Amino acid sequence: MSVFLALVALFASLDWIAVASNRRRLEAFAKPGTMVALFAWYLTAQRFSASAGDWVFAIGLMLSLVGDVLLLPQINRVLPGLVAFFFALLAYLFAINQSGIIWSVGSVVLLLGVLLSSAGIALRLARSLRQAGRRRLVGPVAVYALVLGLMTWSALSRLTSETPPGSPGKLLALGGALFYVSDGLTAWSRFVAPFPGGRFASHVTYHLAQALLTAGVSLSI
């Protein structure tokens, strides 16, 4: 298990170096390699029980890998990549809520905040897409933003439940928040306006998010 975690750290570090130095061949090797290593760690984790939640999350990791490959600069298939990540988020949403959806005053406040934020970002992205003549992406991006918001809310709402200190809820919450930030940075850079360090920041937050979500789900299912 520790070998696969070391590989996750190694591949992720190589990917960050590749993005920072614009080495596309290294990125094409390291970014998918990170998800392959993370998938291997998840399958060999001590708590993997082959339950429905385990397998659904594992499928989500593989769909994320597919999305990573499709969105590589050399391939750049935006709509298929978006579809792959859409279904990955659905898988994560299912796995996170295996123990039930958390409803409380705190979780409802979080839900409203996340949905309002997602709606604001989606509207800004839609305007940029229309201006760029890419109207066919407006609908998929809006639906994706909704599912991303729900997954993020589900992860964050773990903090509002009565769980003991050190529970996987903290890992899930941080992972969900980082995934939200990563996707926001990626979408803004692609569809609105690139900014210095945007790709690097999105890759770092993305890999940290995937690792934290995987650890959190592994401990909670």
C-alpha atoms as a PDB file:
ATOM      1  CA  MET A   1       0.000   0.000   0.000  1.00  0.00           C
ATOM      2  CA  SER A   2       2.776   2.451   0.893  1.00  0.00           C
ATOM      3  CA  VAL A   3       4.486   1.680  -2.443  1.00  0.00           C
ATOM      4  CA  PHE A   4       1.431   2.830  -4.390  1.00  0.00           C
ATOM      5  CA  LEU A   5       1.112   5.971  -2.254  1.00  0.00           C
ATOM      6  CA  ALA A   6       4.763   6.740  -2.965  1.00  0.00           C
ATOM      7  CA  LEU A   7       4.038   6.313  -6.674  1.00  0.00           C
ATOM      8  CA  VAL A   8       1.086   8.690  -6.389  1.00  0.00           C
ATOM      9  CA  ALA A   9       3.365  11.315  -4.841  1.00  0.00           C
ATOM     10  CA  LEU A  10       6.076  10.688  -7.445  1.00  0.00           C
ATOM     11  CA  PHE A  11       3.789  10.886 -10.488  1.00  0.00           C
ATOM     12  CA  ALA A  12       1.944  13.920  -9.124  1.00  0.00           C
ATOM     13  CA  SER A  13       5.231  15.728  -8.469  1.00  0.00           C
ATOM     14  CA  LEU A  14       6.428  14.929 -11.995  1.00  0.00           C
ATOM     15  CA  ASP A  15       3.165  16.243 -13.395  1.00  0.00           C
ATOM     16  CA  TRP A  16       3.487  19.501 -11.465  1.00  0.00           C
ATOM     17  CA  ILE A  17       7.035  19.907 -12.749  1.00  0.00           C
ATOM     18  CA  ALA A  18       5.849  19.161 -16.280  1.00  0.00           C
ATOM     19  CA  VAL A  19       3.095  21.775 -16.118  1.00  0.00           C
ATOM     20  CA  ALA A  20       5.373  24.386 -14.562  1.00  0.00           C
ATOM     21  CA  SER A  21       8.032  23.856 -17.251  1.00  0.00           C
ATOM     22  CA  ASN A  22       5.591  23.205 -20.126  1.00  0.00           C
ATOM     23  CA  ARG A  23       6.892  19.677 -20.790  1.00  0.00           C
ATOM     24  CA  ARG A  24       3.898  18.141 -22.488  1.00  0.00           C
ATOM     25  CA  ARG A  25       5.364  14.694 -23.036  1.00  0.00           C
ATOM     26  CA  LEU A  26       6.170  14.383 -19.351  1.00  0.00           C
ATOM     27  CA  GLU A  27       2.682  15.618 -18.468  1.00  0.00           C
ATOM     28  CA  ALA A  28       1.117  13.042 -20.799  1.00  0.00           C
ATOM     29  CA  PHE A  29       2.964  10.349 -18.839  1.00  0.00           C
ATOM     30  CA  ALA A  30       2.759  11.699 -15.299  1.00  0.00           C
ATOM     31  CA  LYS A  31      -0.829  12.913 -15.042  1.00  0.00           C
ATOM     32  CA  PRO A  32      -2.474   9.609 -16.056  1.00  0.00           C
ATOM     33  CA  GLY A  33       0.202   7.776 -14.063  1.00  0.00           C
ATOM     34  CA  THR A  34      -0.948   9.550 -10.905  1.00  0.00           C
ATOM     35  CA  MET A  35      -4.493   8.259 -11.278  1.00  0.00           C
ATOM     36  CA  VAL A  36      -3.333   4.730 -12.140  1.00  0.00           C
ATOM     37  CA  ALA A  37      -1.239   4.657  -8.960  1.00  0.00           C
ATOM     38  CA  LEU A  38      -4.116   6.102  -6.911  1.00  0.00           C
ATOM     39  CA  PHE A  39      -6.474   3.485  -8.320  1.00  0.00           C
ATOM     40  CA  ALA A  40      -3.997   0.732  -7.408  1.00  0.00           C
ATOM     41  CA  TRP A  41      -3.665   2.114  -3.874  1.00  0.00           C
ATOM     42  CA  TYR A  42      -7.437   2.226  -3.466  1.00  0.00           C
ATOM     43  CA  LEU A  43      -7.919  -1.367  -4.607  1.00  0.00           C
ATOM     44  CA  THR A  44      -5.220  -2.585  -2.226  1.00  0.00           C
ATOM     45  CA  ALA A  45      -6.345  -0.447   0.721  1.00  0.00           C
ATOM     46  CA  GLN A  46      -6.949  -2.410   3.887  1.00  0.00           C
ATOM     47  CA  ARG A  47     -10.602  -1.364   4.089  1.00  0.00           C
ATOM     48  CA  PHE A  48     -11.537  -2.158   0.477  1.00  0.00           C
ATOM     49  CA  SER A  49     -14.420  -4.602   0.837  1.00  0.00           C
ATOM     50  CA  ALA A  50     -15.715  -4.890  -2.735  1.00  0.00           C
ATOM     51  CA  SER A  51     -19.037  -3.375  -1.648  1.00  0.00           C
ATOM     52  CA  ALA A  52     -21.171  -1.360  -4.063  1.00  0.00           C
ATOM     53  CA  GLY A  53     -19.738   1.887  -2.748  1.00  0.00           C
ATOM     54  CA  ASP A  54     -16.183   0.614  -3.138  1.00  0.00           C
ATOM     55  CA  TRP A  55     -16.663  -0.407  -6.737  1.00  0.00           C
ATOM     56  CA  VAL A  56     -18.616   2.696  -7.719  1.00  0.00           C
ATOM     57  CA  PHE A  57     -15.861   4.916  -6.371  1.00  0.00           C
ATOM     58  CA  ALA A  58     -13.255   2.784  -8.165  1.00  0.00           C
ATOM     59  CA  ILE A  59     -15.173   3.320 -11.409  1.00  0.00           C
ATOM     60  CA  GLY A  60     -15.138   7.043 -10.650  1.00  0.00           C
ATOM     61  CA  LEU A  61     -11.351   6.977 -10.373  1.00  0.00           C
ATOM     62  CA  MET A  62     -11.091   5.235 -13.746  1.00  0.00           C
ATOM     63  CA  LEU A  63     -13.454   7.765 -15.327  1.00  0.00           C
ATOM     64  CA  SER A  64     -11.264  10.537 -13.929  1.00  0.00           C
ATOM     65  CA  LEU A  65      -8.298   8.851 -15.597  1.00  0.00           C
ATOM     66  CA  VAL A  66     -10.196   8.820 -18.898  1.00  0.00           C
ATOM     67  CA  GLY A  67     -11.028  12.499 -18.432  1.00  0.00           C
ATOM     68  CA  ASP A  68      -7.387  13.310 -17.698  1.00  0.00           C
ATOM     69  CA  VAL A  69      -6.283  11.652 -20.931  1.00  0.00           C
ATOM     70  CA  LEU A  70      -8.976  13.331 -23.040  1.00  0.00           C
ATOM     71  CA  LEU A  71      -8.102  16.776 -21.670  1.00  0.00           C
ATOM     72  CA  LEU A  72      -4.351  16.487 -22.219  1.00  0.00           C
ATOM     73  CA  PRO A  73      -3.114  19.369 -24.423  1.00  0.00           C
ATOM     74  CA  GLN A  74      -2.119  16.901 -27.158  1.00  0.00           C
ATOM     75  CA  ILE A  75      -5.687  15.511 -27.337  1.00  0.00           C
ATOM     76  CA  ASN A  76      -7.880  18.348 -25.997  1.00  0.00           C
ATOM     77  CA  ARG A  77     -11.269  16.659 -26.429  1.00  0.00           C
ATOM     78  CA  VAL A  78     -13.198  19.005 -24.155  1.00  0.00           C
ATOM     79  CA  LEU A  79     -16.754  17.644 -24.420  1.00  0.00           C
ATOM     80  CA  PRO A  80     -15.837  13.924 -24.076  1.00  0.00           C
ATOM     81  CA  GLY A  81     -13.527  14.852 -21.196  1.00  0.00           C
ATOM     82  CA  LEU A  82     -16.332  16.773 -19.526  1.00  0.00           C
ATOM     83  CA  VAL A  83     -18.651  13.781 -19.912  1.00  0.00           C
ATOM     84  CA  ALA A  84     -16.070  11.451 -18.351  1.00  0.00           C
ATOM     85  CA  PHE A  85     -15.651  13.723 -15.331  1.00  0.00           C
ATOM     86  CA  PHE A  86     -19.418  14.203 -15.087  1.00  0.00           C
ATOM     87  CA  PHE A  87     -19.912  10.474 -14.545  1.00  0.00           C
ATOM     88  CA  ALA A  88     -16.887  10.376 -12.243  1.00  0.00           C
ATOM     89  CA  LEU A  89     -18.540  13.014 -10.059  1.00  0.00           C
ATOM     90  CA  LEU A  90     -21.770  11.001 -10.011  1.00  0.00           C
ATOM     91  CA  ALA A  91     -19.775   7.991  -8.810  1.00  0.00           C
ATOM     92  CA  TYR A  92     -18.111  10.071  -6.093  1.00  0.00           C
ATOM     93  CA  LEU A  93     -21.483  11.502  -5.094  1.00  0.00           C
ATOM     94  CA  PHE A  94     -22.895   7.987  -4.693  1.00  0.00           C
ATOM     95  CA  ALA A  95     -19.892   6.740  -2.703  1.00  0.00           C
ATOM     96  CA  ILE A  96     -19.772   9.734  -0.356  1.00  0.00           C
ATOM     97  CA  ASN A  97     -23.472   9.368   0.462  1.00  0.00           C
ATOM     98  CA  GLN A  98     -23.405   5.606   1.102  1.00  0.00           C
ATOM     99  CA  SER A  99     -24.137   6.246   4.764  1.00  0.00           C
ATOM    100  CA  GLY A 100     -26.977   8.626   3.892  1.00  0.00           C
ATOM    101  CA  ILE A 101     -27.374  12.268   2.923  1.00  0.00           C
ATOM    102  CA  ILE A 102     -26.824  14.609   5.845  1.00  0.00           C
ATOM    103  CA  TRP A 103     -29.638  17.072   6.447  1.00  0.00           C
ATOM    104  CA  SER A 104     -29.190  19.721   9.116  1.00  0.00           C
ATOM    105  CA  VAL A 105     -29.275  23.492   9.393  1.00  0.00           C
ATOM    106  CA  GLY A 106     -25.553  23.609   8.699  1.00  0.00           C
ATOM    107  CA  SER A 107     -25.770  21.346   5.653  1.00  0.00           C
ATOM    108  CA  VAL A 108     -28.664  23.354   4.171  1.00  0.00           C
ATOM    109  CA  VAL A 109     -26.683  26.586   4.580  1.00  0.00           C
ATOM    110  CA  LEU A 110     -23.737  24.899   2.856  1.00  0.00           C
ATOM    111  CA  LEU A 111     -25.999  23.665   0.062  1.00  0.00           C
ATOM    112  CA  LEU A 112     -27.350  27.151  -0.622  1.00  0.00           C
ATOM    113  CA  GLY A 113     -23.855  28.637  -0.587  1.00  0.00           C
ATOM    114  CA  VAL A 114     -22.410  26.039  -2.949  1.00  0.00           C
ATOM    115  CA  LEU A 115     -25.351  26.222  -5.363  1.00  0.00           C
ATOM    116  CA  LEU A 116     -25.254  30.020  -5.488  1.00  0.00           C
ATOM    117  CA  SER A 117     -21.516  29.946  -6.098  1.00  0.00           C
ATOM    118  CA  SER A 118     -21.883  27.289  -8.807  1.00  0.00           C
ATOM    119  CA  ALA A 119     -24.682  29.239 -10.489  1.00  0.00           C
ATOM    120  CA  GLY A 120     -22.583  32.406 -10.542  1.00  0.00           C
ATOM    121  CA  ILE A 121     -19.602  30.618 -12.069  1.00  0.00           C
ATOM    122  CA  ALA A 122     -21.785  28.769 -14.583  1.00  0.00           C
ATOM    123  CA  LEU A 123     -23.402  32.019 -15.760  1.00  0.00           C
ATOM    124  CA  ARG A 124     -19.985  33.635 -16.248  1.00  0.00           C
ATOM    125  CA  LEU A 125     -18.708  30.615 -18.155  1.00  0.00           C
ATOM    126  CA  ALA A 126     -21.856  30.552 -20.311  1.00  0.00           C
ATOM    127  CA  ARG A 127     -21.322  34.168 -21.333  1.00  0.00           C
ATOM    128  CA  SER A 128     -17.710  33.499 -22.292  1.00  0.00           C
ATOM    129  CA  LEU A 129     -18.650  30.354 -24.228  1.00  0.00           C
ATOM    130  CA  ARG A 130     -21.313  32.214 -26.208  1.00  0.00           C
ATOM    131  CA  GLN A 131     -18.889  35.012 -27.019  1.00  0.00           C
ATOM    132  CA  ALA A 132     -16.353  32.455 -28.227  1.00  0.00           C
ATOM    133  CA  GLY A 133     -18.927  30.729 -30.454  1.00  0.00           C
ATOM    134  CA  ARG A 134     -18.973  27.569 -28.346  1.00  0.00           C
ATOM    135  CA  ARG A 135     -22.669  27.533 -27.475  1.00  0.00           C
ATOM    136  CA  ARG A 136     -22.874  23.740 -27.615  1.00  0.00           C
ATOM    137  CA  LEU A 137     -20.819  23.583 -24.412  1.00  0.00           C
ATOM    138  CA  VAL A 138     -23.122  25.883 -22.415  1.00  0.00           C
ATOM    139  CA  GLY A 139     -25.609  23.159 -21.444  1.00  0.00           C
ATOM    140  CA  PRO A 140     -23.023  20.486 -20.554  1.00  0.00           C
ATOM    141  CA  VAL A 141     -20.991  22.979 -18.511  1.00  0.00           C
ATOM    142  CA  ALA A 142     -24.101  24.078 -16.580  1.00  0.00           C
ATOM    143  CA  VAL A 143     -25.107  20.476 -15.795  1.00  0.00           C
ATOM    144  CA  TYR A 144     -21.538  19.651 -14.816  1.00  0.00           C
ATOM    145  CA  ALA A 145     -21.417  22.668 -12.490  1.00  0.00           C
ATOM    146  CA  LEU A 146     -24.575  21.439 -10.761  1.00  0.00           C
ATOM    147  CA  VAL A 147     -23.219  17.930 -10.178  1.00  0.00           C
ATOM    148  CA  LEU A 148     -19.860  19.325  -9.051  1.00  0.00           C
ATOM    149  CA  GLY A 149     -21.687  21.534  -6.562  1.00  0.00           C
ATOM    150  CA  LEU A 150     -23.700  18.600  -5.213  1.00  0.00           C
ATOM    151  CA  MET A 151     -20.594  16.437  -4.828  1.00  0.00           C
ATOM    152  CA  THR A 152     -18.772  19.280  -3.069  1.00  0.00           C
ATOM    153  CA  TRP A 153     -21.731  19.902  -0.788  1.00  0.00           C
ATOM    154  CA  SER A 154     -22.016  16.202   0.081  1.00  0.00           C
ATOM    155  CA  ALA A 155     -18.329  16.140   1.011  1.00  0.00           C
ATOM    156  CA  LEU A 156     -18.477  19.382   3.015  1.00  0.00           C
ATOM    157  CA  SER A 157     -21.651  18.343   4.825  1.00  0.00           C
ATOM    158  CA  ARG A 158     -19.699  15.495   6.476  1.00  0.00           C
ATOM    159  CA  LEU A 159     -18.313  18.184   8.777  1.00  0.00           C
ATOM    160  CA  THR A 160     -21.801  18.989  10.072  1.00  0.00           C
ATOM    161  CA  SER A 161     -22.549  15.426  11.175  1.00  0.00           C
ATOM    162  CA  GLU A 162     -21.832  14.125  14.651  1.00  0.00           C
ATOM    163  CA  THR A 163     -18.634  12.258  13.867  1.00  0.00           C
ATOM    164  CA  PRO A 164     -15.702  11.663  16.210  1.00  0.00           C
ATOM    165  CA  PRO A 165     -12.494  13.709  15.902  1.00  0.00           C
ATOM    166  CA  GLY A 166     -10.143  12.394  13.240  1.00  0.00           C
ATOM    167  CA  SER A 167     -12.989  10.888  11.218  1.00  0.00           C
ATOM    168  CA  PRO A 168     -12.776  10.570   7.404  1.00  0.00           C
ATOM    169  CA  GLY A 169     -15.302  13.400   7.151  1.00  0.00           C
ATOM    170  CA  LYS A 170     -12.475  15.928   7.344  1.00  0.00           C
ATOM    171  CA  LEU A 171     -10.639  14.237   4.480  1.00  0.00           C
ATOM    172  CA  LEU A 172     -13.794  14.159   2.365  1.00  0.00           C
ATOM    173  CA  ALA A 173     -14.609  17.794   3.103  1.00  0.00           C
ATOM    174  CA  LEU A 174     -11.147  19.042   2.195  1.00  0.00           C
ATOM    175  CA  GLY A 175     -11.029  16.805  -0.878  1.00  0.00           C
ATOM    176  CA  GLY A 176     -14.401  18.045  -2.093  1.00  0.00           C
ATOM    177  CA  ALA A 177     -13.445  21.683  -1.557  1.00  0.00           C
ATOM    178  CA  LEU A 178     -10.157  21.253  -3.438  1.00  0.00           C
ATOM    179  CA  PHE A 179     -11.921  19.481  -6.321  1.00  0.00           C
ATOM    180  CA  TYR A 180     -14.286  22.445  -6.566  1.00  0.00           C
ATOM    181  CA  VAL A 181     -11.375  24.892  -6.595  1.00  0.00           C
ATOM    182  CA  SER A 182      -9.451  22.832  -9.149  1.00  0.00           C
ATOM    183  CA  ASP A 183     -12.377  22.602 -11.563  1.00  0.00           C
ATOM    184  CA  GLY A 184     -13.094  26.292 -11.117  1.00  0.00           C
ATOM    185  CA  LEU A 185      -9.506  27.186 -11.977  1.00  0.00           C
ATOM    186  CA  THR A 186      -9.510  24.840 -14.978  1.00  0.00           C
ATOM    187  CA  ALA A 187     -12.803  26.145 -16.340  1.00  0.00           C
ATOM    188  CA  TRP A 188     -11.807  29.778 -15.880  1.00  0.00           C
ATOM    189  CA  SER A 189      -8.464  29.238 -17.613  1.00  0.00           C
ATOM    190  CA  ARG A 190     -10.040  27.356 -20.522  1.00  0.00           C
ATOM    191  CA  PHE A 191     -13.187  29.364 -21.122  1.00  0.00           C
ATOM    192  CA  VAL A 192     -12.751  32.843 -19.609  1.00  0.00           C
ATOM    193  CA  ALA A 193      -9.154  34.017 -19.393  1.00  0.00           C
ATOM    194  CA  PRO A 194      -5.901  32.169 -18.659  1.00  0.00           C
ATOM    195  CA  PHE A 195      -3.907  33.605 -15.798  1.00  0.00           C
ATOM    196  CA  PRO A 196      -0.304  33.044 -14.666  1.00  0.00           C
ATOM    197  CA  GLY A 197       0.091  29.833 -12.720  1.00  0.00           C
ATOM    198  CA  GLY A 198      -3.521  28.796 -13.319  1.00  0.00           C
ATOM    199  CA  ARG A 199      -2.780  25.383 -14.836  1.00  0.00           C
ATOM    200  CA  PHE A 200      -0.184  24.607 -12.184  1.00  0.00           C
ATOM    201  CA  ALA A 201      -2.566  25.532  -9.353  1.00  0.00           C
ATOM    202  CA  SER A 202      -5.382  23.499 -10.903  1.00  0.00           C
ATOM    203  CA  HIS A 203      -3.175  20.400 -11.221  1.00  0.00           C
ATOM    204  CA  VAL A 204      -1.907  20.641  -7.641  1.00  0.00           C
ATOM    205  CA  THR A 205      -5.392  21.095  -6.164  1.00  0.00           C
ATOM    206  CA  TYR A 206      -6.773  18.357  -8.433  1.00  0.00           C
ATOM    207  CA  HIS A 207      -4.303  15.696  -7.328  1.00  0.00           C
ATOM    208  CA  LEU A 208      -4.637  16.647  -3.660  1.00  0.00           C
ATOM    209  CA  ALA A 209      -8.429  16.486  -4.032  1.00  0.00           C
ATOM    210  CA  GLN A 210      -8.365  13.048  -5.636  1.00  0.00           C
ATOM    211  CA  ALA A 211      -6.008  11.696  -2.972  1.00  0.00           C
ATOM    212  CA  LEU A 212      -8.042  13.120  -0.073  1.00  0.00           C
ATOM    213  CA  LEU A 213     -11.360  11.892  -1.480  1.00  0.00           C
ATOM    214  CA  THR A 214      -9.887   8.433  -2.051  1.00  0.00           C
ATOM    215  CA  ALA A 215      -8.522   8.275   1.498  1.00  0.00           C
ATOM    216  CA  GLY A 216     -11.787   9.586   2.952  1.00  0.00           C
ATOM    217  CA  VAL A 217     -13.981   7.129   1.042  1.00  0.00           C
ATOM    218  CA  SER A 218     -11.616   4.266   1.836  1.00  0.00           C
ATOM    219  CA  LEU A 219     -11.963   4.985   5.561  1.00  0.00           C
ATOM    220  CA  SER A 220     -15.690   5.680   5.569  1.00  0.00           C
ATOM    221  CA  ILE A 221     -17.140   2.837   3.481  1.00  0.00           C
END
